[in-house]
PDB file of all heavy atoms in Angstrom:
ATOM      1  N   THR A   1       8.269   3.520  -0.063  1.00  0.00           N
ATOM      2  CA  THR A   1       9.522   4.194  -0.545  1.00  0.00           C
ATOM      3  C   THR A   1      10.350   4.617   0.589  1.00  0.00           C
ATOM      4  O   THR A   1      11.547   5.055   0.384  1.00  0.00           O
ATOM      5  CB  THR A   1       9.165   5.333  -1.447  1.00  0.00           C
ATOM      6  OG1 THR A   1       8.334   6.330  -0.811  1.00  0.00           O
ATOM      7  CG2 THR A   1       8.499   4.809  -2.744  1.00  0.00           C
ATOM      8  N   SER A   2       9.829   4.804   1.815  1.00  0.00           N
ATOM      9  CA  SER A   2      10.553   5.217   2.891  1.00  0.00           C
ATOM     10  C   SER A   2      11.414   4.102   3.553  1.00  0.00           C
ATOM     11  O   SER A   2      12.324   4.453   4.371  1.00  0.00           O
ATOM     12  CB  SER A   2       9.667   5.786   3.951  1.00  0.00           C
ATOM     13  OG  SER A   2       8.948   6.958   3.538  1.00  0.00           O
ATOM     14  N   LEU A   3      11.144   2.883   3.096  1.00  0.00           N
ATOM     15  CA  LEU A   3      11.957   1.753   3.692  1.00  0.00           C
ATOM     16  C   LEU A   3      13.330   1.582   2.967  1.00  0.00           C
ATOM     17  O   LEU A   3      13.437   1.704   1.783  1.00  0.00           O
ATOM     18  CB  LEU A   3      11.082   0.496   3.484  1.00  0.00           C
ATOM     19  CG  LEU A   3       9.833   0.358   4.365  1.00  0.00           C
ATOM     20  CD1 LEU A   3       9.135  -0.982   3.884  1.00  0.00           C
ATOM     21  CD2 LEU A   3      10.119   0.409   5.899  1.00  0.00           C
ATOM     22  N   ASN A   4      14.267   1.196   3.768  1.00  0.00           N
ATOM     23  CA  ASN A   4      15.549   0.881   3.203  1.00  0.00           C
ATOM     24  C   ASN A   4      15.483  -0.556   2.743  1.00  0.00           C
ATOM     25  O   ASN A   4      14.452  -1.263   2.773  1.00  0.00           O
ATOM     26  CB  ASN A   4      16.752   1.130   4.188  1.00  0.00           C
ATOM     27  CG  ASN A   4      16.588   0.209   5.474  1.00  0.00           C
ATOM     28  OD1 ASN A   4      16.089  -0.767   5.392  1.00  0.00           O
ATOM     29  ND2 ASN A   4      17.148   0.790   6.508  1.00  0.00           N
ATOM     30  N   LYS A   5      16.604  -1.127   2.235  1.00  0.00           N
ATOM     31  CA  LYS A   5      16.548  -2.458   1.512  1.00  0.00           C
ATOM     32  C   LYS A   5      16.189  -3.572   2.494  1.00  0.00           C
ATOM     33  O   LYS A   5      15.897  -4.648   2.016  1.00  0.00           O
ATOM     34  CB  LYS A   5      17.972  -2.742   0.901  1.00  0.00           C
ATOM     35  CG  LYS A   5      19.134  -2.860   1.913  1.00  0.00           C
ATOM     36  CD  LYS A   5      20.411  -3.164   1.169  1.00  0.00           C
ATOM     37  CE  LYS A   5      21.541  -3.293   2.223  1.00  0.00           C
ATOM     38  NZ  LYS A   5      22.816  -3.481   1.524  1.00  0.00           N
ATOM     39  N   ASN A   6      16.296  -3.404   3.802  1.00  0.00           N
ATOM     40  CA  ASN A   6      15.969  -4.508   4.713  1.00  0.00           C
ATOM     41  C   ASN A   6      14.724  -4.031   5.548  1.00  0.00           C
ATOM     42  O   ASN A   6      14.353  -4.733   6.515  1.00  0.00           O
ATOM     43  CB  ASN A   6      17.080  -4.697   5.749  1.00  0.00           C
ATOM     44  CG  ASN A   6      18.329  -5.163   5.010  1.00  0.00           C
ATOM     45  OD1 ASN A   6      18.307  -6.097   4.204  1.00  0.00           O
ATOM     46  ND2 ASN A   6      19.454  -4.683   5.359  1.00  0.00           N
ATOM     47  N   GLY A   7      14.042  -3.018   5.135  1.00  0.00           N
ATOM     48  CA  GLY A   7      12.917  -2.410   5.958  1.00  0.00           C
ATOM     49  C   GLY A   7      11.666  -3.215   6.133  1.00  0.00           C
ATOM     50  O   GLY A   7      11.315  -3.991   5.161  1.00  0.00           O
ATOM     51  N   ARG A   8      10.911  -2.873   7.141  1.00  0.00           N
ATOM     52  CA  ARG A   8       9.613  -3.537   7.322  1.00  0.00           C
ATOM     53  C   ARG A   8       8.650  -2.401   7.656  1.00  0.00           C
ATOM     54  O   ARG A   8       8.926  -1.400   8.344  1.00  0.00           O
ATOM     55  CB  ARG A   8       9.548  -4.492   8.477  1.00  0.00           C
ATOM     56  CG  ARG A   8      10.031  -5.870   8.224  1.00  0.00           C
ATOM     57  CD  ARG A   8       9.971  -6.805   9.378  1.00  0.00           C
ATOM     58  NE  ARG A   8      10.327  -8.247   9.092  1.00  0.00           N
ATOM     59  CZ  ARG A   8      10.324  -9.171  10.026  1.00  0.00           C
ATOM     60  NH1 ARG A   8      10.002  -8.791  11.253  1.00  0.00           N
ATOM     61  NH2 ARG A   8      10.652 -10.349   9.699  1.00  0.00           N
ATOM     62  N   ALA A   9       7.298  -2.513   7.171  1.00  0.00           N
ATOM     63  CA  ALA A   9       6.339  -1.566   7.536  1.00  0.00           C
ATOM     64  C   ALA A   9       5.031  -2.225   7.937  1.00  0.00           C
ATOM     65  O   ALA A   9       4.681  -3.272   7.529  1.00  0.00           O
ATOM     66  CB  ALA A   9       6.088  -0.673   6.290  1.00  0.00           C
ATOM     67  N   GLY A  10       4.267  -1.541   8.753  1.00  0.00           N
ATOM     68  CA  GLY A  10       3.036  -1.960   9.252  1.00  0.00           C
ATOM     69  C   GLY A  10       2.125  -0.785   9.380  1.00  0.00           C
ATOM     70  O   GLY A  10       2.503   0.185  10.042  1.00  0.00           O
ATOM     71  N   PHE A  11       0.933  -0.766   8.769  1.00  0.00           N
ATOM     72  CA  PHE A  11       0.138   0.478   8.762  1.00  0.00           C
ATOM     73  C   PHE A  11      -1.333   0.110   8.573  1.00  0.00           C
ATOM     74  O   PHE A  11      -1.763  -1.010   8.161  1.00  0.00           O
ATOM     75  CB  PHE A  11       0.560   1.488   7.661  1.00  0.00           C
ATOM     76  CG  PHE A  11       0.625   0.867   6.276  1.00  0.00           C
ATOM     77  CD1 PHE A  11      -0.452   0.903   5.415  1.00  0.00           C
ATOM     78  CD2 PHE A  11       1.747   0.304   5.786  1.00  0.00           C
ATOM     79  CE1 PHE A  11      -0.364   0.454   4.145  1.00  0.00           C
ATOM     80  CE2 PHE A  11       1.924  -0.226   4.580  1.00  0.00           C
ATOM     81  CZ  PHE A  11       0.808  -0.170   3.706  1.00  0.00           C
ATOM     82  N   VAL A  12      -2.157   1.084   8.903  1.00  0.00           N
ATOM     83  CA  VAL A  12      -3.657   0.900   8.760  1.00  0.00           C
ATOM     84  C   VAL A  12      -4.208   1.567   7.562  1.00  0.00           C
ATOM     85  O   VAL A  12      -3.748   2.660   7.123  1.00  0.00           O
ATOM     86  CB  VAL A  12      -4.314   1.519  10.022  1.00  0.00           C
ATOM     87  CG1 VAL A  12      -5.824   1.138  10.048  1.00  0.00           C
ATOM     88  CG2 VAL A  12      -3.687   1.125  11.306  1.00  0.00           C
ATOM     89  N   MET A  13      -5.128   0.792   6.858  1.00  0.00           N
ATOM     90  CA  MET A  13      -5.828   1.337   5.669  1.00  0.00           C
ATOM     91  C   MET A  13      -7.279   0.938   5.724  1.00  0.00           C
ATOM     92  O   MET A  13      -7.591  -0.009   6.345  1.00  0.00           O
ATOM     93  CB  MET A  13      -5.209   0.826   4.426  1.00  0.00           C
ATOM     94  CG  MET A  13      -3.962   1.604   3.889  1.00  0.00           C
ATOM     95  SD  MET A  13      -4.451   3.154   3.157  1.00  0.00           S
ATOM     96  CE  MET A  13      -3.329   4.258   3.940  1.00  0.00           C
ATOM     97  N   PRO A  14      -8.152   1.792   5.158  1.00  0.00           N
ATOM     98  CA  PRO A  14      -9.571   1.359   4.992  1.00  0.00           C
ATOM     99  C   PRO A  14      -9.554   0.048   4.156  1.00  0.00           C
ATOM    100  O   PRO A  14      -8.837  -0.096   3.186  1.00  0.00           O
ATOM    101  CB  PRO A  14     -10.284   2.514   4.362  1.00  0.00           C
ATOM    102  CG  PRO A  14      -9.229   3.191   3.595  1.00  0.00           C
ATOM    103  CD  PRO A  14      -7.963   3.063   4.419  1.00  0.00           C
ATOM    104  N   ASN A  15     -10.689  -0.763   4.389  1.00  0.00           N
ATOM    105  CA  ASN A  15     -10.831  -2.041   3.562  1.00  0.00           C
ATOM    106  C   ASN A  15     -10.884  -1.677   2.061  1.00  0.00           C
ATOM    107  O   ASN A  15     -10.347  -2.513   1.212  1.00  0.00           O
ATOM    108  CB  ASN A  15     -12.004  -2.696   4.004  1.00  0.00           C
ATOM    109  CG  ASN A  15     -11.836  -3.612   5.211  1.00  0.00           C
ATOM    110  OD1 ASN A  15     -10.756  -3.583   5.774  1.00  0.00           O
ATOM    111  ND2 ASN A  15     -12.884  -4.308   5.653  1.00  0.00           N
ATOM    112  N   SER A  16     -11.494  -0.541   1.708  1.00  0.00           N
ATOM    113  CA  SER A  16     -11.624  -0.236   0.319  1.00  0.00           C
ATOM    114  C   SER A  16     -10.366  -0.169  -0.401  1.00  0.00           C
ATOM    115  O   SER A  16     -10.361  -0.419  -1.741  1.00  0.00           O
ATOM    116  CB  SER A  16     -12.389   1.103   0.152  1.00  0.00           C
ATOM    117  OG  SER A  16     -11.700   2.166   0.929  1.00  0.00           O
ATOM    118  N   ALA A  17      -9.288   0.160   0.298  1.00  0.00           N
ATOM    119  CA  ALA A  17      -7.973   0.258  -0.435  1.00  0.00           C
ATOM    120  C   ALA A  17      -7.496  -1.135  -0.932  1.00  0.00           C
ATOM    121  O   ALA A  17      -6.769  -1.148  -1.973  1.00  0.00           O
ATOM    122  CB  ALA A  17      -6.952   0.881   0.606  1.00  0.00           C
ATOM    123  N   SER A  18      -7.898  -2.149  -0.304  1.00  0.00           N
ATOM    124  CA  SER A  18      -7.497  -3.515  -0.754  1.00  0.00           C
ATOM    125  C   SER A  18      -7.965  -3.953  -2.053  1.00  0.00           C
ATOM    126  O   SER A  18      -7.392  -4.787  -2.775  1.00  0.00           O
ATOM    127  CB  SER A  18      -7.889  -4.562   0.293  1.00  0.00           C
ATOM    128  OG  SER A  18      -7.459  -4.200   1.605  1.00  0.00           O
ATOM    129  N   ASP A  19      -9.086  -3.299  -2.562  1.00  0.00           N
ATOM    130  CA  ASP A  19      -9.687  -3.661  -3.823  1.00  0.00           C
ATOM    131  C   ASP A  19      -9.883  -2.463  -4.731  1.00  0.00           C
ATOM    132  O   ASP A  19     -10.522  -2.678  -5.776  1.00  0.00           O
ATOM    133  CB  ASP A  19     -11.138  -4.321  -3.523  1.00  0.00           C
ATOM    134  CG  ASP A  19     -10.911  -5.807  -3.229  1.00  0.00           C
ATOM    135  OD1 ASP A  19     -10.122  -6.490  -3.812  1.00  0.00           O
ATOM    136  OD2 ASP A  19     -11.667  -6.262  -2.336  1.00  0.00           O
ATOM    137  N   ALA A  20      -9.336  -1.350  -4.403  1.00  0.00           N
ATOM    138  CA  ALA A  20      -9.551  -0.090  -5.139  1.00  0.00           C
ATOM    139  C   ALA A  20      -9.110  -0.350  -6.654  1.00  0.00           C
ATOM    140  O   ALA A  20      -8.215  -1.021  -6.954  1.00  0.00           O
ATOM    141  CB  ALA A  20      -8.800   1.032  -4.617  1.00  0.00           C
ATOM    142  N   ARG A  21      -9.968   0.291  -7.568  1.00  0.00           N
ATOM    143  CA  ARG A  21      -9.698   0.014  -8.953  1.00  0.00           C
ATOM    144  C   ARG A  21      -9.017   1.229  -9.582  1.00  0.00           C
ATOM    145  O   ARG A  21      -8.411   2.169  -8.931  1.00  0.00           O
ATOM    146  CB  ARG A  21     -11.088  -0.198  -9.671  1.00  0.00           C
ATOM    147  CG  ARG A  21     -11.912  -1.311  -9.038  1.00  0.00           C
ATOM    148  CD  ARG A  21     -11.050  -2.640  -9.041  1.00  0.00           C
ATOM    149  NE  ARG A  21     -10.702  -3.157 -10.356  1.00  0.00           N
ATOM    150  CZ  ARG A  21      -9.992  -4.333 -10.558  1.00  0.00           C
ATOM    151  NH1 ARG A  21      -9.414  -4.848  -9.523  1.00  0.00           N
ATOM    152  NH2 ARG A  21      -9.746  -4.633 -11.776  1.00  0.00           N
ATOM    153  N   ASN A  22      -9.090   1.371 -10.931  1.00  0.00           N
ATOM    154  CA  ASN A  22      -8.522   2.513 -11.772  1.00  0.00           C
ATOM    155  C   ASN A  22      -7.043   2.707 -11.500  1.00  0.00           C
ATOM    156  O   ASN A  22      -6.304   1.673 -11.403  1.00  0.00           O
ATOM    157  CB  ASN A  22      -9.400   3.736 -11.388  1.00  0.00           C
ATOM    158  CG  ASN A  22     -10.808   3.598 -11.763  1.00  0.00           C
ATOM    159  OD1 ASN A  22     -11.114   2.998 -12.807  1.00  0.00           O
ATOM    160  ND2 ASN A  22     -11.652   4.101 -10.942  1.00  0.00           N
ATOM    161  N   SER A  23      -6.596   3.897 -11.203  1.00  0.00           N
ATOM    162  CA  SER A  23      -5.133   4.078 -11.045  1.00  0.00           C
ATOM    163  C   SER A  23      -4.669   3.498  -9.751  1.00  0.00           C
ATOM    164  O   SER A  23      -3.443   3.082  -9.647  1.00  0.00           O
ATOM    165  CB  SER A  23      -4.830   5.591 -11.044  1.00  0.00           C
ATOM    166  OG  SER A  23      -5.611   6.342 -10.002  1.00  0.00           O
ATOM    167  N   GLU A  24      -5.494   3.330  -8.733  1.00  0.00           N
ATOM    168  CA  GLU A  24      -5.063   2.675  -7.472  1.00  0.00           C
ATOM    169  C   GLU A  24      -4.742   1.196  -7.759  1.00  0.00           C
ATOM    170  O   GLU A  24      -3.827   0.692  -7.157  1.00  0.00           O
ATOM    171  CB  GLU A  24      -6.269   2.812  -6.420  1.00  0.00           C
ATOM    172  CG  GLU A  24      -6.268   4.193  -5.792  1.00  0.00           C
ATOM    173  CD  GLU A  24      -7.311   5.038  -6.541  1.00  0.00           C
ATOM    174  OE1 GLU A  24      -7.628   4.778  -7.699  1.00  0.00           O
ATOM    175  OE2 GLU A  24      -7.763   6.165  -6.026  1.00  0.00           O
ATOM    176  N   TYR A  25      -5.446   0.622  -8.687  1.00  0.00           N
ATOM    177  CA  TYR A  25      -5.175  -0.833  -9.074  1.00  0.00           C
ATOM    178  C   TYR A  25      -3.799  -0.924  -9.623  1.00  0.00           C
ATOM    179  O   TYR A  25      -3.076  -1.845  -9.191  1.00  0.00           O
ATOM    180  CB  TYR A  25      -6.264  -1.304 -10.088  1.00  0.00           C
ATOM    181  CG  TYR A  25      -5.940  -2.590 -10.732  1.00  0.00           C
ATOM    182  CD1 TYR A  25      -6.204  -3.871 -10.150  1.00  0.00           C
ATOM    183  CD2 TYR A  25      -5.241  -2.578 -11.917  1.00  0.00           C
ATOM    184  CE1 TYR A  25      -5.864  -4.984 -10.762  1.00  0.00           C
ATOM    185  CE2 TYR A  25      -4.892  -3.778 -12.599  1.00  0.00           C
ATOM    186  CZ  TYR A  25      -5.188  -4.942 -11.965  1.00  0.00           C
ATOM    187  OH  TYR A  25      -4.901  -6.176 -12.610  1.00  0.00           O
ATOM    188  N   ASP A  26      -3.446   0.016 -10.512  1.00  0.00           N
ATOM    189  CA  ASP A  26      -2.103  -0.035 -11.118  1.00  0.00           C
ATOM    190  C   ASP A  26      -1.101   0.124 -10.131  1.00  0.00           C
ATOM    191  O   ASP A  26       0.023  -0.556 -10.183  1.00  0.00           O
ATOM    192  CB  ASP A  26      -2.027   1.110 -12.093  1.00  0.00           C
ATOM    193  CG  ASP A  26      -2.996   0.909 -13.340  1.00  0.00           C
ATOM    194  OD1 ASP A  26      -3.401  -0.176 -13.626  1.00  0.00           O
ATOM    195  OD2 ASP A  26      -3.480   2.015 -13.866  1.00  0.00           O
ATOM    196  N   ILE A  27      -1.257   0.980  -9.088  1.00  0.00           N
ATOM    197  CA  ILE A  27      -0.227   1.192  -8.011  1.00  0.00           C
ATOM    198  C   ILE A  27      -0.080  -0.071  -7.290  1.00  0.00           C
ATOM    199  O   ILE A  27       1.069  -0.541  -6.913  1.00  0.00           O
ATOM    200  CB  ILE A  27      -0.606   2.350  -7.165  1.00  0.00           C
ATOM    201  CG1 ILE A  27      -0.688   3.687  -7.937  1.00  0.00           C
ATOM    202  CG2 ILE A  27       0.425   2.492  -5.951  1.00  0.00           C
ATOM    203  CD1 ILE A  27      -1.230   4.811  -7.168  1.00  0.00           C
TER     204      ILE A  27
END
């Protein structure tokens, strides 16, 4: 949500976030 209409982002996340279930899945 911090990106403007032409924006790009790169960031680090734990592997678990790539497959997280429940409400994280919906997001």
